[in-house]
Amino acid sequence: MKKRFLAFIMAVLLMLVSLVGCGDSKTSSNDLEEFSIVLDWYPNAIHSFIYNAIEKGYYAEEGLDVKVYFPSNVNDAISLPAVGKADVGIYYPNDVIRGVANEDIPVKIVGNVAQSSLNILSSLKSKNIVSPEDLKGKIIGYSGNEFDEILVKTMLENVGLSTNDVELIDVGFDLMTAMTTERVDATIGCMVNHEIPSMEEQGFEMNYFFPAEYGAPEYPELVFVAGDKLIEENRDKLERFLRASKKGFEDMKNNPDESIKILMENQNAENFPLNESVEKESVEVLLPIMETENLSFLAQDMEAWQKDVDWLKSEGLIDRDLSVSDFAVEIIK
């Protein structure tokens, strides 16, 4: 494991050059402490709270000059915080757990951005796929992610089928195109808050369902990740960032139209242009997922984490037993 982690660090250091210049932030102030965040992707509706907090000065009130970076590599949001080259990243929790368990990556989850999964099994309505039973004999597209394969396996087994009853093909990131061209009958990996409104905006009628409805554990889709060193040595910096982020979310919740306006002003039009009507619909989908009746924004459910770990272990996705404290810590409540 140690050798793999050393190789991981070397890869990170090589990536840093390509990350420089991807940031988007307000003019820095000498009176503020710089705070860097790496997004999971280019700006979209789920990041509205960050841009709200920047625009309204909530981070500045906490003494922070927040700089937002877009990933140049799919692992930047976990790898850069791990080696202290970014303060936090937004990343996928099951990949965090696997990284900690299998590669000793020194990071922890410090807050849930989305309290439940956004990942769905989706299809054109004309395919009449409304549950896993309807997948028998069908072609399912996915982006080569082992985790999505396990989700499909779990759903099929829940209804008495197996992966032998379907064909899984890797379509890369062309999930929507694979459906519209009918190269596949369904896909796993589309997000309910983005791809569904995008497809419907283009005139396609869609069906979808969540893996958690058919045997998979419920888990947060996205989380804030910080390096162990920062947590141990400058916890106060994280607390200030998370407090201001919660204020940004309150604005997103109370005035979604204004939030979308701020987001559109901060979009990366060159690489990921946004459709305002799609982002508005996305926010409507996201708000009850980012904060629920039982969990406030950024809160963590430690019992749910343990169930997730147990499932990952049972599916052979992690190599060793973990306690929740190995990969998650509550910074603010």
C-alpha atoms as a PDB file:
ATOM      1  CA  MET A   1       0.000   0.000   0.000  1.00  0.00           C
ATOM      2  CA  LYS A   2       2.792   2.406   0.880  1.00  0.00           C
ATOM      3  CA  LYS A   3       4.454   1.918  -2.508  1.00  0.00           C
ATOM      4  CA  ARG A   4       1.152   2.589  -4.253  1.00  0.00           C
ATOM      5  CA  PHE A   5       0.687   5.764  -2.252  1.00  0.00           C
ATOM      6  CA  LEU A   6       4.195   7.014  -3.126  1.00  0.00           C
ATOM      7  CA  ALA A   7       3.366   6.471  -6.777  1.00  0.00           C
ATOM      8  CA  PHE A   8       0.100   8.302  -6.183  1.00  0.00           C
ATOM      9  CA  ILE A   9       1.958  11.322  -4.737  1.00  0.00           C
ATOM     10  CA  MET A  10       4.351  11.452  -7.689  1.00  0.00           C
ATOM     11  CA  ALA A  11       1.405  11.414 -10.073  1.00  0.00           C
ATOM     12  CA  VAL A  12      -0.211  14.259  -8.145  1.00  0.00           C
ATOM     13  CA  LEU A  13       2.900  16.399  -8.292  1.00  0.00           C
ATOM     14  CA  LEU A  14       3.066  15.920 -12.048  1.00  0.00           C
ATOM     15  CA  MET A  15      -0.580  16.997 -12.334  1.00  0.00           C
ATOM     16  CA  LEU A  16      -0.102  20.265 -10.482  1.00  0.00           C
ATOM     17  CA  VAL A  17       1.351  22.024 -13.496  1.00  0.00           C
ATOM     18  CA  SER A  18      -1.775  21.330 -15.527  1.00  0.00           C
ATOM     19  CA  LEU A  19      -4.080  22.532 -12.735  1.00  0.00           C
ATOM     20  CA  VAL A  20      -2.516  26.016 -12.570  1.00  0.00           C
ATOM     21  CA  GLY A  21      -4.633  28.542 -14.400  1.00  0.00           C
ATOM     22  CA  CYS A  22      -7.915  26.652 -13.981  1.00  0.00           C
ATOM     23  CA  GLY A  23      -9.048  28.787 -11.080  1.00  0.00           C
ATOM     24  CA  ASP A  24     -11.864  31.291 -10.960  1.00  0.00           C
ATOM     25  CA  SER A  25     -11.964  33.729  -8.058  1.00  0.00           C
ATOM     26  CA  LYS A  26     -12.415  37.292  -6.971  1.00  0.00           C
ATOM     27  CA  THR A  27      -9.391  39.525  -6.523  1.00  0.00           C
ATOM     28  CA  SER A  28      -7.400  38.357  -3.521  1.00  0.00           C
ATOM     29  CA  SER A  29      -6.906  40.507  -0.451  1.00  0.00           C
ATOM     30  CA  ASN A  30      -3.760  40.662   1.634  1.00  0.00           C
ATOM     31  CA  ASP A  31      -5.960  40.724   4.724  1.00  0.00           C
ATOM     32  CA  LEU A  32      -7.550  37.354   3.980  1.00  0.00           C
ATOM     33  CA  GLU A  33      -6.209  33.828   4.283  1.00  0.00           C
ATOM     34  CA  GLU A  34      -6.248  32.030   0.946  1.00  0.00           C
ATOM     35  CA  PHE A  35      -8.464  28.952   0.758  1.00  0.00           C
ATOM     36  CA  SER A  36      -8.463  26.686  -2.298  1.00  0.00           C
ATOM     37  CA  ILE A  37     -11.242  24.353  -3.391  1.00  0.00           C
ATOM     38  CA  VAL A  38     -11.160  21.894  -6.299  1.00  0.00           C
ATOM     39  CA  LEU A  39     -14.559  21.143  -7.822  1.00  0.00           C
ATOM     40  CA  ASP A  40     -15.649  17.707  -9.005  1.00  0.00           C
ATOM     41  CA  TRP A  41     -16.399  19.226 -12.420  1.00  0.00           C
ATOM     42  CA  TYR A  42     -17.004  22.615 -14.037  1.00  0.00           C
ATOM     43  CA  PRO A  43     -19.462  24.968 -12.289  1.00  0.00           C
ATOM     44  CA  ASN A  44     -23.093  23.853 -12.333  1.00  0.00           C
ATOM     45  CA  ALA A  45     -26.162  24.098 -10.111  1.00  0.00           C
ATOM     46  CA  ILE A  46     -24.809  22.051  -7.210  1.00  0.00           C
ATOM     47  CA  HIS A  47     -21.964  24.550  -6.784  1.00  0.00           C
ATOM     48  CA  SER A  48     -24.282  27.569  -6.516  1.00  0.00           C
ATOM     49  CA  PHE A  49     -23.797  27.854  -2.754  1.00  0.00           C
ATOM     50  CA  ILE A  50     -20.053  28.403  -3.220  1.00  0.00           C
ATOM     51  CA  TYR A  51     -20.495  31.245  -5.676  1.00  0.00           C
ATOM     52  CA  ASN A  52     -23.220  32.723  -3.459  1.00  0.00           C
ATOM     53  CA  ALA A  53     -20.832  32.735  -0.509  1.00  0.00           C
ATOM     54  CA  ILE A  54     -18.103  34.364  -2.605  1.00  0.00           C
ATOM     55  CA  GLU A  55     -20.453  36.972  -4.082  1.00  0.00           C
ATOM     56  CA  LYS A  56     -22.086  37.857  -0.757  1.00  0.00           C
ATOM     57  CA  GLY A  57     -18.771  38.044   1.099  1.00  0.00           C
ATOM     58  CA  TYR A  58     -19.534  35.199   3.521  1.00  0.00           C
ATOM     59  CA  TYR A  59     -16.087  33.668   3.101  1.00  0.00           C
ATOM     60  CA  ALA A  60     -14.456  37.072   3.477  1.00  0.00           C
ATOM     61  CA  GLU A  61     -16.386  37.571   6.727  1.00  0.00           C
ATOM     62  CA  GLU A  62     -14.670  34.413   7.960  1.00  0.00           C
ATOM     63  CA  GLY A  63     -11.279  35.782   6.931  1.00  0.00           C
ATOM     64  CA  LEU A  64     -10.962  33.628   3.813  1.00  0.00           C
ATOM     65  CA  ASP A  65     -10.158  34.436   0.201  1.00  0.00           C
ATOM     66  CA  VAL A  66     -11.673  31.408  -1.543  1.00  0.00           C
ATOM     67  CA  LYS A  67     -10.252  30.392  -4.901  1.00  0.00           C
ATOM     68  CA  VAL A  68     -12.143  27.848  -7.006  1.00  0.00           C
ATOM     69  CA  TYR A  69     -10.306  25.432  -9.283  1.00  0.00           C
ATOM     70  CA  PHE A  70     -11.654  23.082 -11.916  1.00  0.00           C
ATOM     71  CA  PRO A  71     -10.098  19.610 -12.114  1.00  0.00           C
ATOM     72  CA  SER A  72      -7.711  18.863 -14.949  1.00  0.00           C
ATOM     73  CA  ASN A  73      -7.651  15.216 -13.873  1.00  0.00           C
ATOM     74  CA  VAL A  74     -10.577  13.159 -12.584  1.00  0.00           C
ATOM     75  CA  ASN A  75      -8.798  12.567  -9.257  1.00  0.00           C
ATOM     76  CA  ASP A  76      -7.707  16.156  -8.530  1.00  0.00           C
ATOM     77  CA  ALA A  77     -10.417  16.777  -5.927  1.00  0.00           C
ATOM     78  CA  ILE A  78      -9.053  13.998  -3.702  1.00  0.00           C
ATOM     79  CA  SER A  79      -5.382  13.890  -4.666  1.00  0.00           C
ATOM     80  CA  LEU A  80      -4.607  17.587  -4.235  1.00  0.00           C
ATOM     81  CA  PRO A  81      -6.067  17.883  -0.703  1.00  0.00           C
ATOM     82  CA  ALA A  82      -4.248  14.648   0.185  1.00  0.00           C
ATOM     83  CA  VAL A  83      -0.837  16.212  -0.478  1.00  0.00           C
ATOM     84  CA  GLY A  84      -1.712  19.688   0.815  1.00  0.00           C
ATOM     85  CA  LYS A  85      -1.912  21.368  -2.590  1.00  0.00           C
ATOM     86  CA  ALA A  86      -5.579  22.299  -2.044  1.00  0.00           C
ATOM     87  CA  ASP A  87      -7.584  22.829   1.123  1.00  0.00           C
ATOM     88  CA  VAL A  88     -10.682  20.877   0.107  1.00  0.00           C
ATOM     89  CA  GLY A  89     -12.151  19.082  -2.866  1.00  0.00           C
ATOM     90  CA  ILE A  90     -15.654  18.006  -3.837  1.00  0.00           C
ATOM     91  CA  TYR A  91     -15.555  14.298  -4.552  1.00  0.00           C
ATOM     92  CA  TYR A  92     -17.458  11.017  -4.547  1.00  0.00           C
ATOM     93  CA  PRO A  93     -17.664   9.387  -1.100  1.00  0.00           C
ATOM     94  CA  ASN A  94     -17.354   5.767  -2.171  1.00  0.00           C
ATOM     95  CA  ASP A  95     -14.161   6.631  -4.028  1.00  0.00           C
ATOM     96  CA  VAL A  96     -12.907   8.376  -0.881  1.00  0.00           C
ATOM     97  CA  ILE A  97     -13.635   5.287   1.211  1.00  0.00           C
ATOM     98  CA  ARG A  98     -11.944   3.029  -1.331  1.00  0.00           C
ATOM     99  CA  GLY A  99      -8.936   5.346  -1.506  1.00  0.00           C
ATOM    100  CA  VAL A 100      -8.510   5.341   2.259  1.00  0.00           C
ATOM    101  CA  ALA A 101      -9.020   1.578   2.574  1.00  0.00           C
ATOM    102  CA  ASN A 102      -7.048   0.389  -0.435  1.00  0.00           C
ATOM    103  CA  GLU A 103      -4.326   3.028  -0.876  1.00  0.00           C
ATOM    104  CA  ASP A 104      -3.957   4.732   2.512  1.00  0.00           C
ATOM    105  CA  ILE A 105      -4.770   8.127   0.981  1.00  0.00           C
ATOM    106  CA  PRO A 106      -4.621  10.604   3.914  1.00  0.00           C
ATOM    107  CA  VAL A 107      -7.973  12.358   3.533  1.00  0.00           C
ATOM    108  CA  LYS A 108     -11.322  12.492   5.301  1.00  0.00           C
ATOM    109  CA  ILE A 109     -14.845  13.536   4.446  1.00  0.00           C
ATOM    110  CA  VAL A 110     -15.681  16.756   6.307  1.00  0.00           C
ATOM    111  CA  GLY A 111     -19.215  17.472   5.062  1.00  0.00           C
ATOM    112  CA  ASN A 112     -21.931  16.102   2.770  1.00  0.00           C
ATOM    113  CA  VAL A 113     -22.814  18.306  -0.187  1.00  0.00           C
ATOM    114  CA  ALA A 114     -25.644  16.048  -1.420  1.00  0.00           C
ATOM    115  CA  GLN A 115     -27.255  13.854   1.233  1.00  0.00           C
ATOM    116  CA  SER A 116     -28.359  11.086  -1.126  1.00  0.00           C
ATOM    117  CA  SER A 117     -27.360   9.653  -4.477  1.00  0.00           C
ATOM    118  CA  LEU A 118     -28.003  11.492  -7.727  1.00  0.00           C
ATOM    119  CA  ASN A 119     -26.872   8.534  -9.863  1.00  0.00           C
ATOM    120  CA  ILE A 120     -29.720   6.831 -11.730  1.00  0.00           C
ATOM    121  CA  LEU A 121     -30.511   4.029 -14.148  1.00  0.00           C
ATOM    122  CA  SER A 122     -32.042   6.014 -16.994  1.00  0.00           C
ATOM    123  CA  SER A 123     -33.625   5.252 -20.352  1.00  0.00           C
ATOM    124  CA  LEU A 124     -35.794   6.735 -23.053  1.00  0.00           C
ATOM    125  CA  LYS A 125     -39.453   6.389 -22.116  1.00  0.00           C
ATOM    126  CA  SER A 126     -40.043   4.464 -25.347  1.00  0.00           C
ATOM    127  CA  LYS A 127     -37.905   1.604 -23.986  1.00  0.00           C
ATOM    128  CA  ASN A 128     -40.494   0.902 -21.241  1.00  0.00           C
ATOM    129  CA  ILE A 129     -37.828   0.296 -18.587  1.00  0.00           C
ATOM    130  CA  VAL A 130     -39.292   1.259 -15.225  1.00  0.00           C
ATOM    131  CA  SER A 131     -37.611  -1.283 -12.917  1.00  0.00           C
ATOM    132  CA  PRO A 132     -34.659  -3.718 -12.974  1.00  0.00           C
ATOM    133  CA  GLU A 133     -36.963  -6.546 -14.127  1.00  0.00           C
ATOM    134  CA  ASP A 134     -37.302  -4.714 -17.444  1.00  0.00           C
ATOM    135  CA  LEU A 135     -33.535  -4.852 -18.042  1.00  0.00           C
ATOM    136  CA  LYS A 136     -33.483  -8.541 -18.921  1.00  0.00           C
ATOM    137  CA  GLY A 137     -31.949  -8.966 -22.380  1.00  0.00           C
ATOM    138  CA  LYS A 138     -31.122  -5.251 -22.595  1.00  0.00           C
ATOM    139  CA  ILE A 139     -27.880  -3.363 -23.260  1.00  0.00           C
ATOM    140  CA  ILE A 140     -26.759  -1.050 -20.456  1.00  0.00           C
ATOM    141  CA  GLY A 141     -24.181   1.650 -21.116  1.00  0.00           C
ATOM    142  CA  TYR A 142     -21.811   2.889 -18.437  1.00  0.00           C
ATOM    143  CA  SER A 143     -18.605   4.920 -18.241  1.00  0.00           C
ATOM    144  CA  GLY A 144     -16.271   2.076 -17.308  1.00  0.00           C
ATOM    145  CA  ASN A 145     -16.661   2.706 -13.584  1.00  0.00           C
ATOM    146  CA  GLU A 146     -16.430  -0.493 -11.524  1.00  0.00           C
ATOM    147  CA  PHE A 147     -18.732   1.011  -8.915  1.00  0.00           C
ATOM    148  CA  ASP A 148     -21.528   1.432 -11.476  1.00  0.00           C
ATOM    149  CA  GLU A 149     -21.105  -2.206 -12.485  1.00  0.00           C
ATOM    150  CA  ILE A 150     -21.669  -3.216  -8.856  1.00  0.00           C
ATOM    151  CA  LEU A 151     -24.765  -1.008  -8.652  1.00  0.00           C
ATOM    152  CA  VAL A 152     -26.239  -2.764 -11.695  1.00  0.00           C
ATOM    153  CA  LYS A 153     -25.331  -6.166 -10.223  1.00  0.00           C
ATOM    154  CA  THR A 154     -27.010  -5.290  -6.915  1.00  0.00           C
ATOM    155  CA  MET A 155     -30.216  -4.080  -8.558  1.00  0.00           C
ATOM    156  CA  LEU A 156     -30.469  -7.143 -10.782  1.00  0.00           C
ATOM    157  CA  GLU A 157     -29.877  -9.546  -7.905  1.00  0.00           C
ATOM    158  CA  ASN A 158     -32.572  -7.718  -5.936  1.00  0.00           C
ATOM    159  CA  VAL A 159     -35.150  -8.845  -8.529  1.00  0.00           C
ATOM    160  CA  GLY A 160     -33.764 -12.336  -9.112  1.00  0.00           C
ATOM    161  CA  LEU A 161     -31.613 -11.556 -12.160  1.00  0.00           C
ATOM    162  CA  SER A 162     -27.854 -11.380 -12.697  1.00  0.00           C
ATOM    163  CA  THR A 163     -25.376  -9.575 -14.944  1.00  0.00           C
ATOM    164  CA  ASN A 164     -25.616 -12.601 -17.259  1.00  0.00           C
ATOM    165  CA  ASP A 165     -29.119 -11.401 -18.114  1.00  0.00           C
ATOM    166  CA  VAL A 166     -27.857  -8.073 -19.531  1.00  0.00           C
ATOM    167  CA  GLU A 167     -25.021  -6.712 -21.640  1.00  0.00           C
ATOM    168  CA  LEU A 168     -22.881  -3.987 -20.089  1.00  0.00           C
ATOM    169  CA  ILE A 169     -20.874  -1.873 -22.520  1.00  0.00           C
ATOM    170  CA  ASP A 170     -18.457   0.956 -21.810  1.00  0.00           C
ATOM    171  CA  VAL A 171     -19.607   4.087 -23.654  1.00  0.00           C
ATOM    172  CA  GLY A 172     -17.218   6.438 -21.875  1.00  0.00           C
ATOM    173  CA  PHE A 173     -18.837   9.749 -21.008  1.00  0.00           C
ATOM    174  CA  ASP A 174     -21.266   9.638 -23.955  1.00  0.00           C
ATOM    175  CA  LEU A 175     -24.103   8.370 -21.797  1.00  0.00           C
ATOM    176  CA  MET A 176     -26.787  10.648 -23.200  1.00  0.00           C
ATOM    177  CA  THR A 177     -25.706  10.190 -26.825  1.00  0.00           C
ATOM    178  CA  ALA A 178     -25.643   6.420 -26.357  1.00  0.00           C
ATOM    179  CA  MET A 179     -29.322   6.590 -25.341  1.00  0.00           C
ATOM    180  CA  THR A 180     -30.518   9.055 -27.986  1.00  0.00           C
ATOM    181  CA  THR A 181     -28.845   7.081 -30.793  1.00  0.00           C
ATOM    182  CA  GLU A 182     -30.233   3.858 -29.251  1.00  0.00           C
ATOM    183  CA  ARG A 183     -26.787   2.325 -29.093  1.00  0.00           C
ATOM    184  CA  VAL A 184     -27.898   1.170 -25.647  1.00  0.00           C
ATOM    185  CA  ASP A 185     -31.273   0.586 -24.032  1.00  0.00           C
ATOM    186  CA  ALA A 186     -30.372   2.244 -20.723  1.00  0.00           C
ATOM    187  CA  THR A 187     -27.456   3.788 -18.869  1.00  0.00           C
ATOM    188  CA  ILE A 188     -26.120   3.895 -15.336  1.00  0.00           C
ATOM    189  CA  GLY A 189     -24.179   6.990 -14.308  1.00  0.00           C
ATOM    190  CA  CYS A 190     -26.400   9.865 -15.400  1.00  0.00           C
ATOM    191  CA  MET A 191     -27.307  12.374 -12.685  1.00  0.00           C
ATOM    192  CA  VAL A 192     -30.976  13.028 -11.981  1.00  0.00           C
ATOM    193  CA  ASN A 193     -30.326  16.745 -11.508  1.00  0.00           C
ATOM    194  CA  HIS A 194     -28.455  17.306 -14.755  1.00  0.00           C
ATOM    195  CA  GLU A 195     -28.854  14.718 -17.514  1.00  0.00           C
ATOM    196  CA  ILE A 196     -32.605  14.267 -17.032  1.00  0.00           C
ATOM    197  CA  PRO A 197     -33.466  17.982 -17.354  1.00  0.00           C
ATOM    198  CA  SER A 198     -30.942  18.276 -20.205  1.00  0.00           C
ATOM    199  CA  MET A 199     -32.549  15.403 -22.113  1.00  0.00           C
ATOM    200  CA  GLU A 200     -36.036  16.718 -21.480  1.00  0.00           C
ATOM    201  CA  GLU A 201     -34.944  20.175 -22.638  1.00  0.00           C
ATOM    202  CA  GLN A 202     -33.993  18.510 -25.931  1.00  0.00           C
ATOM    203  CA  GLY A 203     -37.453  16.966 -26.220  1.00  0.00           C
ATOM    204  CA  PHE A 204     -36.742  13.419 -24.999  1.00  0.00           C
ATOM    205  CA  GLU A 205     -39.145  11.759 -22.563  1.00  0.00           C
ATOM    206  CA  MET A 206     -37.267   9.832 -19.896  1.00  0.00           C
ATOM    207  CA  ASN A 207     -37.710   7.057 -17.338  1.00  0.00           C
ATOM    208  CA  TYR A 208     -35.346   6.513 -14.439  1.00  0.00           C
ATOM    209  CA  PHE A 209     -34.999   4.900 -11.036  1.00  0.00           C
ATOM    210  CA  PHE A 210     -32.478   4.959  -8.200  1.00  0.00           C
ATOM    211  CA  PRO A 211     -30.239   2.011  -7.214  1.00  0.00           C
ATOM    212  CA  ALA A 212     -31.206   2.551  -3.552  1.00  0.00           C
ATOM    213  CA  GLU A 213     -34.769   1.559  -4.476  1.00  0.00           C
ATOM    214  CA  TYR A 214     -33.451  -1.903  -5.394  1.00  0.00           C
ATOM    215  CA  GLY A 215     -30.968  -3.049  -2.778  1.00  0.00           C
ATOM    216  CA  ALA A 216     -28.054  -0.623  -3.037  1.00  0.00           C
ATOM    217  CA  PRO A 217     -27.266   1.442   0.073  1.00  0.00           C
ATOM    218  CA  GLU A 218     -28.206   5.105   0.195  1.00  0.00           C
ATOM    219  CA  TYR A 219     -25.119   7.291   0.201  1.00  0.00           C
ATOM    220  CA  PRO A 220     -24.306  10.975  -0.365  1.00  0.00           C
ATOM    221  CA  GLU A 221     -23.440  11.723  -3.989  1.00  0.00           C
ATOM    222  CA  LEU A 222     -20.834  14.399  -3.292  1.00  0.00           C
ATOM    223  CA  VAL A 223     -18.825  15.382  -0.226  1.00  0.00           C
ATOM    224  CA  PHE A 224     -16.183  17.848   0.874  1.00  0.00           C
ATOM    225  CA  VAL A 225     -12.804  16.144   1.309  1.00  0.00           C
ATOM    226  CA  ALA A 226      -9.835  17.553   3.271  1.00  0.00           C
ATOM    227  CA  GLY A 227      -6.344  16.252   3.920  1.00  0.00           C
ATOM    228  CA  ASP A 228      -5.542  14.734   7.302  1.00  0.00           C
ATOM    229  CA  LYS A 229      -2.776  17.272   7.873  1.00  0.00           C
ATOM    230  CA  LEU A 230      -5.104  20.259   7.461  1.00  0.00           C
ATOM    231  CA  ILE A 231      -7.700  18.658   9.754  1.00  0.00           C
ATOM    232  CA  GLU A 232      -5.072  18.077  12.439  1.00  0.00           C
ATOM    233  CA  GLU A 233      -3.188  21.366  12.139  1.00  0.00           C
ATOM    234  CA  ASN A 234      -5.739  23.975  11.022  1.00  0.00           C
ATOM    235  CA  ARG A 235      -9.213  22.730  11.846  1.00  0.00           C
ATOM    236  CA  ASP A 236     -10.370  26.302  12.445  1.00  0.00           C
ATOM    237  CA  LYS A 237      -9.750  27.136   8.783  1.00  0.00           C
ATOM    238  CA  LEU A 238     -12.087  24.333   7.754  1.00  0.00           C
ATOM    239  CA  GLU A 239     -14.707  25.386  10.287  1.00  0.00           C
ATOM    240  CA  ARG A 240     -14.739  28.916   8.895  1.00  0.00           C
ATOM    241  CA  PHE A 241     -15.053  27.664   5.319  1.00  0.00           C
ATOM    242  CA  LEU A 242     -17.906  25.299   6.147  1.00  0.00           C
ATOM    243  CA  ARG A 243     -19.807  27.926   8.173  1.00  0.00           C
ATOM    244  CA  ALA A 244     -19.683  30.356   5.260  1.00  0.00           C
ATOM    245  CA  SER A 245     -20.675  27.598   2.838  1.00  0.00           C
ATOM    246  CA  LYS A 246     -23.798  26.943   4.916  1.00  0.00           C
ATOM    247  CA  LYS A 247     -24.713  30.628   4.593  1.00  0.00           C
ATOM    248  CA  GLY A 248     -24.251  30.340   0.840  1.00  0.00           C
ATOM    249  CA  PHE A 249     -26.602  27.356   0.812  1.00  0.00           C
ATOM    250  CA  GLU A 250     -29.234  29.294   2.782  1.00  0.00           C
ATOM    251  CA  ASP A 251     -29.178  31.926   0.040  1.00  0.00           C
ATOM    252  CA  MET A 252     -29.397  29.213  -2.627  1.00  0.00           C
ATOM    253  CA  LYS A 253     -32.429  27.770  -0.818  1.00  0.00           C
ATOM    254  CA  ASN A 254     -34.187  31.072  -0.118  1.00  0.00           C
ATOM    255  CA  ASN A 255     -33.498  32.790  -3.429  1.00  0.00           C
ATOM    256  CA  PRO A 256     -32.777  30.175  -6.121  1.00  0.00           C
ATOM    257  CA  ASP A 257     -33.296  32.610  -9.018  1.00  0.00           C
ATOM    258  CA  GLU A 258     -30.618  34.946  -7.704  1.00  0.00           C
ATOM    259  CA  SER A 259     -28.360  31.948  -7.134  1.00  0.00           C
ATOM    260  CA  ILE A 260     -28.742  30.855 -10.744  1.00  0.00           C
ATOM    261  CA  LYS A 261     -27.931  34.380 -11.913  1.00  0.00           C
ATOM    262  CA  ILE A 262     -24.699  34.334  -9.888  1.00  0.00           C
ATOM    263  CA  LEU A 263     -23.886  30.847 -11.171  1.00  0.00           C
ATOM    264  CA  MET A 264     -24.396  31.858 -14.806  1.00  0.00           C
ATOM    265  CA  GLU A 265     -21.971  34.723 -14.280  1.00  0.00           C
ATOM    266  CA  ASN A 266     -19.371  32.236 -13.047  1.00  0.00           C
ATOM    267  CA  GLN A 267     -19.890  29.456 -15.581  1.00  0.00           C
ATOM    268  CA  ASN A 268     -17.003  28.122 -17.637  1.00  0.00           C
ATOM    269  CA  ALA A 269     -18.606  28.770 -21.003  1.00  0.00           C
ATOM    270  CA  GLU A 270     -15.629  27.474 -22.973  1.00  0.00           C
ATOM    271  CA  ASN A 271     -15.587  23.985 -21.462  1.00  0.00           C
ATOM    272  CA  PHE A 272     -19.052  23.529 -19.928  1.00  0.00           C
ATOM    273  CA  PRO A 273     -21.616  26.122 -21.050  1.00  0.00           C
ATOM    274  CA  LEU A 274     -24.759  26.171 -18.937  1.00  0.00           C
ATOM    275  CA  ASN A 275     -28.403  26.320 -19.996  1.00  0.00           C
ATOM    276  CA  GLU A 276     -30.189  28.592 -17.534  1.00  0.00           C
ATOM    277  CA  SER A 277     -33.512  26.733 -17.651  1.00  0.00           C
ATOM    278  CA  VAL A 278     -31.748  23.384 -17.090  1.00  0.00           C
ATOM    279  CA  GLU A 279     -29.836  24.790 -14.127  1.00  0.00           C
ATOM    280  CA  LYS A 280     -33.041  26.205 -12.624  1.00  0.00           C
ATOM    281  CA  GLU A 281     -34.677  22.784 -12.835  1.00  0.00           C
ATOM    282  CA  SER A 282     -31.521  21.223 -11.437  1.00  0.00           C
ATOM    283  CA  VAL A 283     -31.662  23.463  -8.362  1.00  0.00           C
ATOM    284  CA  GLU A 284     -35.271  22.437  -7.745  1.00  0.00           C
ATOM    285  CA  VAL A 285     -34.186  18.791  -7.793  1.00  0.00           C
ATOM    286  CA  LEU A 286     -31.114  19.422  -5.645  1.00  0.00           C
ATOM    287  CA  LEU A 287     -32.498  21.478  -2.769  1.00  0.00           C
ATOM    288  CA  PRO A 288     -34.403  18.625  -1.029  1.00  0.00           C
ATOM    289  CA  ILE A 289     -31.383  16.359  -1.593  1.00  0.00           C
ATOM    290  CA  MET A 290     -28.730  18.748  -0.298  1.00  0.00           C
ATOM    291  CA  GLU A 291     -30.707  19.237   2.910  1.00  0.00           C
ATOM    292  CA  THR A 292     -33.339  16.790   4.164  1.00  0.00           C
ATOM    293  CA  GLU A 293     -35.761  16.651   7.101  1.00  0.00           C
ATOM    294  CA  ASN A 294     -33.234  14.597   9.040  1.00  0.00           C
ATOM    295  CA  LEU A 295     -29.927  16.011   7.842  1.00  0.00           C
ATOM    296  CA  SER A 296     -28.977  19.657   7.500  1.00  0.00           C
ATOM    297  CA  PHE A 297     -26.661  20.778   4.729  1.00  0.00           C
ATOM    298  CA  LEU A 298     -23.112  19.405   5.287  1.00  0.00           C
ATOM    299  CA  ALA A 299     -24.219  17.118   8.150  1.00  0.00           C
ATOM    300  CA  GLN A 300     -23.136  13.458   8.093  1.00  0.00           C
ATOM    301  CA  ASP A 301     -25.008  10.307   9.110  1.00  0.00           C
ATOM    302  CA  MET A 302     -22.364   8.082  10.698  1.00  0.00           C
ATOM    303  CA  GLU A 303     -24.651   5.037  10.839  1.00  0.00           C
ATOM    304  CA  ALA A 304     -25.326   5.338   7.125  1.00  0.00           C
ATOM    305  CA  TRP A 305     -21.578   5.539   6.495  1.00  0.00           C
ATOM    306  CA  GLN A 306     -21.080   2.240   8.323  1.00  0.00           C
ATOM    307  CA  LYS A 307     -23.745   0.522   6.210  1.00  0.00           C
ATOM    308  CA  ASP A 308     -22.034   1.846   3.088  1.00  0.00           C
ATOM    309  CA  VAL A 309     -18.653   0.522   4.253  1.00  0.00           C
ATOM    310  CA  ASP A 310     -20.143  -2.887   5.028  1.00  0.00           C
ATOM    311  CA  TRP A 311     -21.671  -3.054   1.540  1.00  0.00           C
ATOM    312  CA  LEU A 312     -18.427  -2.017  -0.176  1.00  0.00           C
ATOM    313  CA  LYS A 313     -16.571  -4.717   1.774  1.00  0.00           C
ATOM    314  CA  SER A 314     -19.158  -7.365   0.931  1.00  0.00           C
ATOM    315  CA  GLU A 315     -18.836  -6.506  -2.765  1.00  0.00           C
ATOM    316  CA  GLY A 316     -15.044  -6.735  -2.672  1.00  0.00           C
ATOM    317  CA  LEU A 317     -14.526  -3.040  -3.407  1.00  0.00           C
ATOM    318  CA  ILE A 318     -12.399  -2.395  -0.314  1.00  0.00           C
ATOM    319  CA  ASP A 319      -9.534  -4.556   0.923  1.00  0.00           C
ATOM    320  CA  ARG A 320      -9.845  -4.140   4.682  1.00  0.00           C
ATOM    321  CA  ASP A 321     -12.219  -3.279   7.478  1.00  0.00           C
ATOM    322  CA  LEU A 322     -12.673   0.415   8.214  1.00  0.00           C
ATOM    323  CA  SER A 323     -14.256   2.314  11.034  1.00  0.00           C
ATOM    324  CA  VAL A 324     -16.138   5.466  10.083  1.00  0.00           C
ATOM    325  CA  SER A 325     -13.562   7.596  11.920  1.00  0.00           C
ATOM    326  CA  ASP A 326     -10.926   6.371   9.457  1.00  0.00           C
ATOM    327  CA  PHE A 327     -12.482   8.356   6.613  1.00  0.00           C
ATOM    328  CA  ALA A 328     -15.009  10.852   8.056  1.00  0.00           C
ATOM    329  CA  VAL A 329     -14.930  13.569  10.697  1.00  0.00           C
ATOM    330  CA  GLU A 330     -17.595  16.058  11.793  1.00  0.00           C
ATOM    331  CA  ILE A 331     -16.123  19.552  11.676  1.00  0.00           C
ATOM    332  CA  ILE A 332     -19.345  21.493  12.231  1.00  0.00           C
ATOM    333  CA  LYS A 333     -22.857  20.356  13.188  1.00  0.00           C
END
